Amino acid sequence: MSNHHDGKGHVIIGEAALSLALGEKEISVHSLISELERMAQAGGSDNRLTEISEARSWLKSFNEPEQAVRYLPYLQTFADLNDEKN
């Protein structure tokens, strides 16, 4: 996904992660994909829906959630926060 290489695509994933964090929900690859689906169902501009779709596809491309942490270091930060909360 080209947007993720330049950092722009991370914004929509960050928005999903923030929504999960504010809802005191676990942040994982799977929960991010679900949250992005919820965001898509809420609607928005064509550009926003495209960004959401691309972000979901990109996250789904990881066979194992641990792979995503390697490419998205801030996911480990969220995982650490989840661990501290429990």
PDB file of N, CA and C in Angstrom:
ATOM      1  N   MET A   1       0.849  -1.175   0.000  1.00  0.00           N
ATOM      2  CA  MET A   1       0.000   0.000   0.000  1.00  0.00           C
ATOM      3  C   MET A   1       0.886   1.225   0.000  1.00  0.00           C
ATOM      4  N   SER A   2       0.815   2.001  -1.022  1.00  0.00           N
ATOM      5  CA  SER A   2       1.728   3.129  -1.174  1.00  0.00           C
ATOM      6  C   SER A   2       1.554   4.188  -0.099  1.00  0.00           C
ATOM      7  N   ASN A   3       0.354   4.419   0.367  1.00  0.00           N
ATOM      8  CA  ASN A   3       0.142   5.442   1.389  1.00  0.00           C
ATOM      9  C   ASN A   3       0.849   5.110   2.691  1.00  0.00           C
ATOM     10  N   HIS A   4       0.998   3.836   2.987  1.00  0.00           N
ATOM     11  CA  HIS A   4       1.650   3.468   4.241  1.00  0.00           C
ATOM     12  C   HIS A   4       3.147   3.681   4.175  1.00  0.00           C
ATOM     13  N   HIS A   5       3.699   3.626   2.986  1.00  0.00           N
ATOM     14  CA  HIS A   5       5.138   3.835   2.863  1.00  0.00           C
ATOM     15  C   HIS A   5       5.522   5.284   3.133  1.00  0.00           C
ATOM     16  N   ASP A   6       4.644   6.225   2.832  1.00  0.00           N
ATOM     17  CA  ASP A   6       4.989   7.623   3.086  1.00  0.00           C
ATOM     18  C   ASP A   6       4.382   8.141   4.389  1.00  0.00           C
ATOM     19  N   GLY A   7       3.708   7.275   5.123  1.00  0.00           N
ATOM     20  CA  GLY A   7       3.180   7.652   6.428  1.00  0.00           C
ATOM     21  C   GLY A   7       1.753   8.151   6.420  1.00  0.00           C
ATOM     22  N   LYS A   8       1.221   8.549   5.292  1.00  0.00           N
ATOM     23  CA  LYS A   8      -0.135   9.096   5.255  1.00  0.00           C
ATOM     24  C   LYS A   8      -1.184   8.058   5.620  1.00  0.00           C
ATOM     25  N   GLY A   9      -0.972   6.828   5.205  1.00  0.00           N
ATOM     26  CA  GLY A   9      -1.928   5.774   5.499  1.00  0.00           C
ATOM     27  C   GLY A   9      -2.000   5.407   6.961  1.00  0.00           C
ATOM     28  N   HIS A  10      -0.992   5.778   7.728  1.00  0.00           N
ATOM     29  CA  HIS A  10      -0.999   5.470   9.149  1.00  0.00           C
ATOM     30  C   HIS A  10      -2.008   6.328   9.904  1.00  0.00           C
ATOM     31  N   VAL A  11      -2.413   7.429   9.337  1.00  0.00           N
ATOM     32  CA  VAL A  11      -3.338   8.334  10.021  1.00  0.00           C
ATOM     33  C   VAL A  11      -4.660   7.634  10.287  1.00  0.00           C
ATOM     34  N   ILE A  12      -5.197   6.939   9.295  1.00  0.00           N
ATOM     35  CA  ILE A  12      -6.492   6.284   9.465  1.00  0.00           C
ATOM     36  C   ILE A  12      -6.387   5.139  10.467  1.00  0.00           C
ATOM     37  N   ILE A  13      -5.251   4.448  10.475  1.00  0.00           N
ATOM     38  CA  ILE A  13      -5.037   3.390  11.465  1.00  0.00           C
ATOM     39  C   ILE A  13      -4.905   4.014  12.856  1.00  0.00           C
ATOM     40  N   GLY A  14      -4.235   5.141  12.945  1.00  0.00           N
ATOM     41  CA  GLY A  14      -4.120   5.856  14.216  1.00  0.00           C
ATOM     42  C   GLY A  14      -5.467   6.300  14.736  1.00  0.00           C
ATOM     43  N   GLU A  15      -6.329   6.739  13.836  1.00  0.00           N
ATOM     44  CA  GLU A  15      -7.681   7.144  14.225  1.00  0.00           C
ATOM     45  C   GLU A  15      -8.449   5.951  14.803  1.00  0.00           C
ATOM     46  N   ALA A  16      -8.323   4.804  14.145  1.00  0.00           N
ATOM     47  CA  ALA A  16      -8.977   3.593  14.638  1.00  0.00           C
ATOM     48  C   ALA A  16      -8.411   3.197  16.001  1.00  0.00           C
ATOM     49  N   ALA A  17      -7.098   3.272  16.146  1.00  0.00           N
ATOM     50  CA  ALA A  17      -6.457   2.916  17.413  1.00  0.00           C
ATOM     51  C   ALA A  17      -6.889   3.859  18.534  1.00  0.00           C
ATOM     52  N   LEU A  18      -6.983   5.129  18.235  1.00  0.00           N
ATOM     53  CA  LEU A  18      -7.416   6.099  19.246  1.00  0.00           C
ATOM     54  C   LEU A  18      -8.850   5.820  19.679  1.00  0.00           C
ATOM     55  N   SER A  19      -9.695   5.492  18.731  1.00  0.00           N
ATOM     56  CA  SER A  19     -11.082   5.172  19.050  1.00  0.00           C
ATOM     57  C   SER A  19     -11.156   3.964  19.976  1.00  0.00           C
ATOM     58  N   LEU A  20     -10.368   2.940  19.674  1.00  0.00           N
ATOM     59  CA  LEU A  20     -10.334   1.765  20.543  1.00  0.00           C
ATOM     60  C   LEU A  20      -9.803   2.117  21.928  1.00  0.00           C
ATOM     61  N   ALA A  21      -8.739   2.909  21.975  1.00  0.00           N
ATOM     62  CA  ALA A  21      -8.138   3.289  23.260  1.00  0.00           C
ATOM     63  C   ALA A  21      -9.122   4.085  24.112  1.00  0.00           C
ATOM     64  N   LEU A  22      -9.802   5.024  23.496  1.00  0.00           N
ATOM     65  CA  LEU A  22     -10.769   5.832  24.243  1.00  0.00           C
ATOM     66  C   LEU A  22     -11.939   4.994  24.743  1.00  0.00           C
ATOM     67  N   GLY A  23     -12.245   3.928  24.011  1.00  0.00           N
ATOM     68  CA  GLY A  23     -13.290   3.011  24.437  1.00  0.00           C
ATOM     69  C   GLY A  23     -12.782   1.941  25.383  1.00  0.00           C
ATOM     70  N   GLU A  24     -11.504   2.061  25.781  1.00  0.00           N
ATOM     71  CA  GLU A  24     -10.847   1.124  26.682  1.00  0.00           C
ATOM     72  C   GLU A  24     -10.941  -0.307  26.170  1.00  0.00           C
ATOM     73  N   LYS A  25     -10.767  -0.456  24.844  1.00  0.00           N
ATOM     74  CA  LYS A  25     -10.792  -1.767  24.201  1.00  0.00           C
ATOM     75  C   LYS A  25      -9.369  -2.174  23.848  1.00  0.00           C
ATOM     76  N   GLU A  26      -9.169  -3.469  23.709  1.00  0.00           N
ATOM     77  CA  GLU A  26      -7.854  -3.986  23.331  1.00  0.00           C
ATOM     78  C   GLU A  26      -7.514  -3.514  21.920  1.00  0.00           C
ATOM     79  N   ILE A  27      -6.259  -3.165  21.726  1.00  0.00           N
ATOM     80  CA  ILE A  27      -5.789  -2.733  20.412  1.00  0.00           C
ATOM     81  C   ILE A  27      -4.904  -3.834  19.858  1.00  0.00           C
ATOM     82  N   SER A  28      -5.365  -4.415  18.766  1.00  0.00           N
ATOM     83  CA  SER A  28      -4.632  -5.478  18.091  1.00  0.00           C
ATOM     84  C   SER A  28      -4.901  -5.343  16.604  1.00  0.00           C
ATOM     85  N   VAL A  29      -4.213  -6.127  15.812  1.00  0.00           N
ATOM     86  CA  VAL A  29      -4.456  -6.087  14.369  1.00  0.00           C
ATOM     87  C   VAL A  29      -5.913  -6.415  14.093  1.00  0.00           C
ATOM     88  N   HIS A  30      -6.424  -7.427  14.760  1.00  0.00           N
ATOM     89  CA  HIS A  30      -7.801  -7.849  14.527  1.00  0.00           C
ATOM     90  C   HIS A  30      -8.808  -6.784  14.962  1.00  0.00           C
ATOM     91  N   SER A  31      -8.580  -6.171  16.111  1.00  0.00           N
ATOM     92  CA  SER A  31      -9.517  -5.143  16.569  1.00  0.00           C
ATOM     93  C   SER A  31      -9.426  -3.891  15.696  1.00  0.00           C
ATOM     94  N   LEU A  32      -8.230  -3.594  15.179  1.00  0.00           N
ATOM     95  CA  LEU A  32      -8.098  -2.456  14.265  1.00  0.00           C
ATOM     96  C   LEU A  32      -8.873  -2.705  12.973  1.00  0.00           C
ATOM     97  N   ILE A  33      -8.787  -3.925  12.454  1.00  0.00           N
ATOM     98  CA  ILE A  33      -9.535  -4.256  11.242  1.00  0.00           C
ATOM     99  C   ILE A  33     -11.034  -4.105  11.499  1.00  0.00           C
ATOM    100  N   SER A  34     -11.501  -4.579  12.633  1.00  0.00           N
ATOM    101  CA  SER A  34     -12.921  -4.457  12.985  1.00  0.00           C
ATOM    102  C   SER A  34     -13.335  -3.003  13.148  1.00  0.00           C
ATOM    103  N   GLU A  35     -12.482  -2.220  13.795  1.00  0.00           N
ATOM    104  CA  GLU A  35     -12.800  -0.801  13.997  1.00  0.00           C
ATOM    105  C   GLU A  35     -12.829  -0.070  12.660  1.00  0.00           C
ATOM    106  N   LEU A  36     -11.910  -0.397  11.771  1.00  0.00           N
ATOM    107  CA  LEU A  36     -11.916   0.221  10.444  1.00  0.00           C
ATOM    108  C   LEU A  36     -13.181  -0.143   9.683  1.00  0.00           C
ATOM    109  N   GLU A  37     -13.670  -1.361   9.855  1.00  0.00           N
ATOM    110  CA  GLU A  37     -14.931  -1.770   9.230  1.00  0.00           C
ATOM    111  C   GLU A  37     -16.084  -0.932   9.771  1.00  0.00           C
ATOM    112  N   ARG A  38     -16.096  -0.738  11.089  1.00  0.00           N
ATOM    113  CA  ARG A  38     -17.135   0.091  11.712  1.00  0.00           C
ATOM    114  C   ARG A  38     -17.079   1.514  11.180  1.00  0.00           C
ATOM    115  N   MET A  39     -15.861   2.028  11.041  1.00  0.00           N
ATOM    116  CA  MET A  39     -15.691   3.386  10.513  1.00  0.00           C
ATOM    117  C   MET A  39     -16.199   3.477   9.075  1.00  0.00           C
ATOM    118  N   ALA A  40     -15.964   2.438   8.285  1.00  0.00           N
ATOM    119  CA  ALA A  40     -16.430   2.431   6.896  1.00  0.00           C
ATOM    120  C   ALA A  40     -17.951   2.411   6.847  1.00  0.00           C
ATOM    121  N   GLN A  41     -18.559   1.644   7.733  1.00  0.00           N
ATOM    122  CA  GLN A  41     -20.014   1.566   7.772  1.00  0.00           C
ATOM    123  C   GLN A  41     -20.637   2.896   8.166  1.00  0.00           C
ATOM    124  N   ALA A  42     -19.901   3.698   8.932  1.00  0.00           N
ATOM    125  CA  ALA A  42     -20.395   5.020   9.328  1.00  0.00           C
ATOM    126  C   ALA A  42     -20.410   5.987   8.149  1.00  0.00           C
ATOM    127  N   GLY A  43     -19.683   5.637   7.098  1.00  0.00           N
ATOM    128  CA  GLY A  43     -19.684   6.459   5.891  1.00  0.00           C
ATOM    129  C   GLY A  43     -18.621   7.540   5.911  1.00  0.00           C
ATOM    130  N   GLY A  44     -18.682   8.371   4.915  1.00  0.00           N
ATOM    131  CA  GLY A  44     -17.718   9.450   4.767  1.00  0.00           C
ATOM    132  C   GLY A  44     -17.470   9.718   3.298  1.00  0.00           C
ATOM    133  N   SER A  45     -16.495  10.533   3.033  1.00  0.00           N
ATOM    134  CA  SER A  45     -16.165  10.875   1.654  1.00  0.00           C
ATOM    135  C   SER A  45     -15.589   9.650   0.939  1.00  0.00           C
ATOM    136  N   ASP A  46     -15.599   9.705  -0.376  1.00  0.00           N
ATOM    137  CA  ASP A  46     -15.017   8.620  -1.157  1.00  0.00           C
ATOM    138  C   ASP A  46     -13.547   8.424  -0.808  1.00  0.00           C
ATOM    139  N   ASN A  47     -12.823   9.529  -0.602  1.00  0.00           N
ATOM    140  CA  ASN A  47     -11.399   9.450  -0.256  1.00  0.00           C
ATOM    141  C   ASN A  47     -11.203   8.746   1.085  1.00  0.00           C
ATOM    142  N   ARG A  48     -12.021   9.097   2.062  1.00  0.00           N
ATOM    143  CA  ARG A  48     -11.919   8.482   3.388  1.00  0.00           C
ATOM    144  C   ARG A  48     -12.224   6.983   3.303  1.00  0.00           C
ATOM    145  N   LEU A  49     -13.279   6.625   2.593  1.00  0.00           N
ATOM    146  CA  LEU A  49     -13.637   5.218   2.461  1.00  0.00           C
ATOM    147  C   LEU A  49     -12.550   4.428   1.741  1.00  0.00           C
ATOM    148  N   THR A  50     -11.900   5.059   0.770  1.00  0.00           N
ATOM    149  CA  THR A  50     -10.788   4.410   0.076  1.00  0.00           C
ATOM    150  C   THR A  50      -9.628   4.191   1.034  1.00  0.00           C
ATOM    151  N   GLU A  51      -9.295   5.204   1.842  1.00  0.00           N
ATOM    152  CA  GLU A  51      -8.213   5.074   2.819  1.00  0.00           C
ATOM    153  C   GLU A  51      -8.507   3.946   3.810  1.00  0.00           C
ATOM    154  N   ILE A  52      -9.750   3.867   4.259  1.00  0.00           N
ATOM    155  CA  ILE A  52     -10.137   2.824   5.207  1.00  0.00           C
ATOM    156  C   ILE A  52      -9.997   1.453   4.557  1.00  0.00           C
ATOM    157  N   SER A  53     -10.481   1.331   3.344  1.00  0.00           N
ATOM    158  CA  SER A  53     -10.402   0.057   2.624  1.00  0.00           C
ATOM    159  C   SER A  53      -8.952  -0.374   2.423  1.00  0.00           C
ATOM    160  N   GLU A  54      -8.106   0.554   2.014  1.00  0.00           N
ATOM    161  CA  GLU A  54      -6.696   0.240   1.804  1.00  0.00           C
ATOM    162  C   GLU A  54      -6.007  -0.140   3.109  1.00  0.00           C
ATOM    163  N   ALA A  55      -6.344   0.542   4.194  1.00  0.00           N
ATOM    164  CA  ALA A  55      -5.745   0.235   5.492  1.00  0.00           C
ATOM    165  C   ALA A  55      -6.164  -1.158   5.949  1.00  0.00           C
ATOM    166  N   ARG A  56      -7.438  -1.494   5.777  1.00  0.00           N
ATOM    167  CA  ARG A  56      -7.914  -2.829   6.155  1.00  0.00           C
ATOM    168  C   ARG A  56      -7.204  -3.904   5.340  1.00  0.00           C
ATOM    169  N   SER A  57      -7.100  -3.686   4.051  1.00  0.00           N
ATOM    170  CA  SER A  57      -6.425  -4.665   3.188  1.00  0.00           C
ATOM    171  C   SER A  57      -4.976  -4.828   3.596  1.00  0.00           C
ATOM    172  N   TRP A  58      -4.327  -3.720   3.904  1.00  0.00           N
ATOM    173  CA  TRP A  58      -2.922  -3.758   4.291  1.00  0.00           C
ATOM    174  C   TRP A  58      -2.749  -4.532   5.600  1.00  0.00           C
ATOM    175  N   LEU A  59      -3.607  -4.269   6.585  1.00  0.00           N
ATOM    176  CA  LEU A  59      -3.515  -4.980   7.856  1.00  0.00           C
ATOM    177  C   LEU A  59      -3.804  -6.465   7.674  1.00  0.00           C
ATOM    178  N   LYS A  60      -4.732  -6.792   6.800  1.00  0.00           N
ATOM    179  CA  LYS A  60      -5.068  -8.198   6.550  1.00  0.00           C
ATOM    180  C   LYS A  60      -3.923  -8.937   5.863  1.00  0.00           C
ATOM    181  N   SER A  61      -3.003  -8.201   5.264  1.00  0.00           N
ATOM    182  CA  SER A  61      -1.902  -8.837   4.547  1.00  0.00           C
ATOM    183  C   SER A  61      -0.902  -9.506   5.485  1.00  0.00           C
ATOM    184  N   PHE A  62      -0.979  -9.223   6.766  1.00  0.00           N
ATOM    185  CA  PHE A  62      -0.076  -9.838   7.729  1.00  0.00           C
ATOM    186  C   PHE A  62      -0.619 -11.200   8.126  1.00  0.00           C
ATOM    187  N   ASN A  63       0.163 -12.231   7.919  1.00  0.00           N
ATOM    188  CA  ASN A  63      -0.256 -13.583   8.283  1.00  0.00           C
ATOM    189  C   ASN A  63      -0.339 -13.749   9.788  1.00  0.00           C
ATOM    190  N   GLU A  64       0.551 -13.075  10.491  1.00  0.00           N
ATOM    191  CA  GLU A  64       0.594 -13.156  11.946  1.00  0.00           C
ATOM    192  C   GLU A  64       0.598 -11.740  12.504  1.00  0.00           C
ATOM    193  N   PRO A  65      -0.213 -11.468  13.530  1.00  0.00           N
ATOM    194  CA  PRO A  65      -0.258 -10.124  14.098  1.00  0.00           C
ATOM    195  C   PRO A  65       1.096  -9.592  14.534  1.00  0.00           C
ATOM    196  N   GLU A  66       2.004 -10.488  14.943  1.00  0.00           N
ATOM    197  CA  GLU A  66       3.327 -10.044  15.398  1.00  0.00           C
ATOM    198  C   GLU A  66       4.100  -9.357  14.273  1.00  0.00           C
ATOM    199  N   GLN A  67       3.812  -9.735  13.023  1.00  0.00           N
ATOM    200  CA  GLN A  67       4.471  -9.104  11.890  1.00  0.00           C
ATOM    201  C   GLN A  67       4.113  -7.625  11.826  1.00  0.00           C
ATOM    202  N   ALA A  68       2.878  -7.299  12.130  1.00  0.00           N
ATOM    203  CA  ALA A  68       2.432  -5.912  12.052  1.00  0.00           C
ATOM    204  C   ALA A  68       3.185  -5.042  13.046  1.00  0.00           C
ATOM    205  N   VAL A  69       3.459  -5.580  14.216  1.00  0.00           N
ATOM    206  CA  VAL A  69       4.178  -4.807  15.234  1.00  0.00           C
ATOM    207  C   VAL A  69       5.552  -4.414  14.725  1.00  0.00           C
ATOM    208  N   ARG A  70       6.172  -5.296  13.947  1.00  0.00           N
ATOM    209  CA  ARG A  70       7.489  -4.990  13.395  1.00  0.00           C
ATOM    210  C   ARG A  70       7.416  -3.794  12.447  1.00  0.00           C
ATOM    211  N   TYR A  71       6.342  -3.699  11.672  1.00  0.00           N
ATOM    212  CA  TYR A  71       6.211  -2.621  10.689  1.00  0.00           C
ATOM    213  C   TYR A  71       5.525  -1.389  11.271  1.00  0.00           C
ATOM    214  N   LEU A  72       4.772  -1.563  12.324  1.00  0.00           N
ATOM    215  CA  LEU A  72       4.076  -0.460  12.978  1.00  0.00           C
ATOM    216  C   LEU A  72       4.461  -0.442  14.446  1.00  0.00           C
ATOM    217  N   PRO A  73       5.620   0.112  14.777  1.00  0.00           N
ATOM    218  CA  PRO A  73       6.106   0.049  16.164  1.00  0.00           C
ATOM    219  C   PRO A  73       5.126   0.619  17.180  1.00  0.00           C
ATOM    220  N   TYR A  74       4.297   1.566  16.784  1.00  0.00           N
ATOM    221  CA  TYR A  74       3.376   2.137  17.756  1.00  0.00           C
ATOM    222  C   TYR A  74       2.332   1.121  18.195  1.00  0.00           C
ATOM    223  N   LEU A  75       2.106   0.036  17.428  1.00  0.00           N
ATOM    224  CA  LEU A  75       1.203  -1.014  17.883  1.00  0.00           C
ATOM    225  C   LEU A  75       1.749  -1.677  19.140  1.00  0.00           C
ATOM    226  N   GLN A  76       3.074  -1.808  19.244  1.00  0.00           N
ATOM    227  CA  GLN A  76       3.669  -2.383  20.445  1.00  0.00           C
ATOM    228  C   GLN A  76       3.433  -1.464  21.637  1.00  0.00           C
ATOM    229  N   THR A  77       3.479  -0.164  21.414  1.00  0.00           N
ATOM    230  CA  THR A  77       3.190   0.785  22.487  1.00  0.00           C
ATOM    231  C   THR A  77       1.775   0.567  22.995  1.00  0.00           C
ATOM    232  N   PHE A  78       0.814   0.425  22.056  1.00  0.00           N
ATOM    233  CA  PHE A  78      -0.561   0.179  22.459  1.00  0.00           C
ATOM    234  C   PHE A  78      -0.682  -1.158  23.182  1.00  0.00           C
ATOM    235  N   ALA A  79       0.017  -2.174  22.709  1.00  0.00           N
ATOM    236  CA  ALA A  79      -0.011  -3.485  23.360  1.00  0.00           C
ATOM    237  C   ALA A  79       0.536  -3.380  24.782  1.00  0.00           C
ATOM    238  N   ASP A  80       1.608  -2.617  24.950  1.00  0.00           N
ATOM    239  CA  ASP A  80       2.177  -2.416  26.277  1.00  0.00           C
ATOM    240  C   ASP A  80       1.182  -1.717  27.192  1.00  0.00           C
ATOM    241  N   LEU A  81       0.453  -0.745  26.674  1.00  0.00           N
ATOM    242  CA  LEU A  81      -0.558  -0.046  27.475  1.00  0.00           C
ATOM    243  C   LEU A  81      -1.664  -1.005  27.867  1.00  0.00           C
ATOM    244  N   ASN A  82      -2.060  -1.890  26.955  1.00  0.00           N
ATOM    245  CA  ASN A  82      -3.072  -2.901  27.277  1.00  0.00           C
ATOM    246  C   ASN A  82      -2.592  -3.776  28.419  1.00  0.00           C
ATOM    247  N   ASP A  83      -1.314  -4.194  28.370  1.00  0.00           N
ATOM    248  CA  ASP A  83      -0.761  -5.058  29.404  1.00  0.00           C
ATOM    249  C   ASP A  83      -0.747  -4.355  30.764  1.00  0.00           C
ATOM    250  N   GLU A  84      -0.401  -3.063  30.761  1.00  0.00           N
ATOM    251  CA  GLU A  84      -0.349  -2.304  32.024  1.00  0.00           C
ATOM    252  C   GLU A  84      -1.727  -2.183  32.637  1.00  0.00           C
ATOM    253  N   LYS A  85      -2.751  -2.072  31.793  1.00  0.00           N
ATOM    254  CA  LYS A  85      -4.116  -1.886  32.265  1.00  0.00           C
ATOM    255  C   LYS A  85      -4.639  -3.153  32.937  1.00  0.00           C
ATOM    256  N   ASN A  86      -4.150  -4.302  32.470  1.00  0.00           N
ATOM    257  CA  ASN A  86      -4.666  -5.582  33.006  1.00  0.00           C
ATOM    258  C   ASN A  86      -3.924  -6.005  34.199  1.00  0.00           C
TER     259      ASN A  86
END
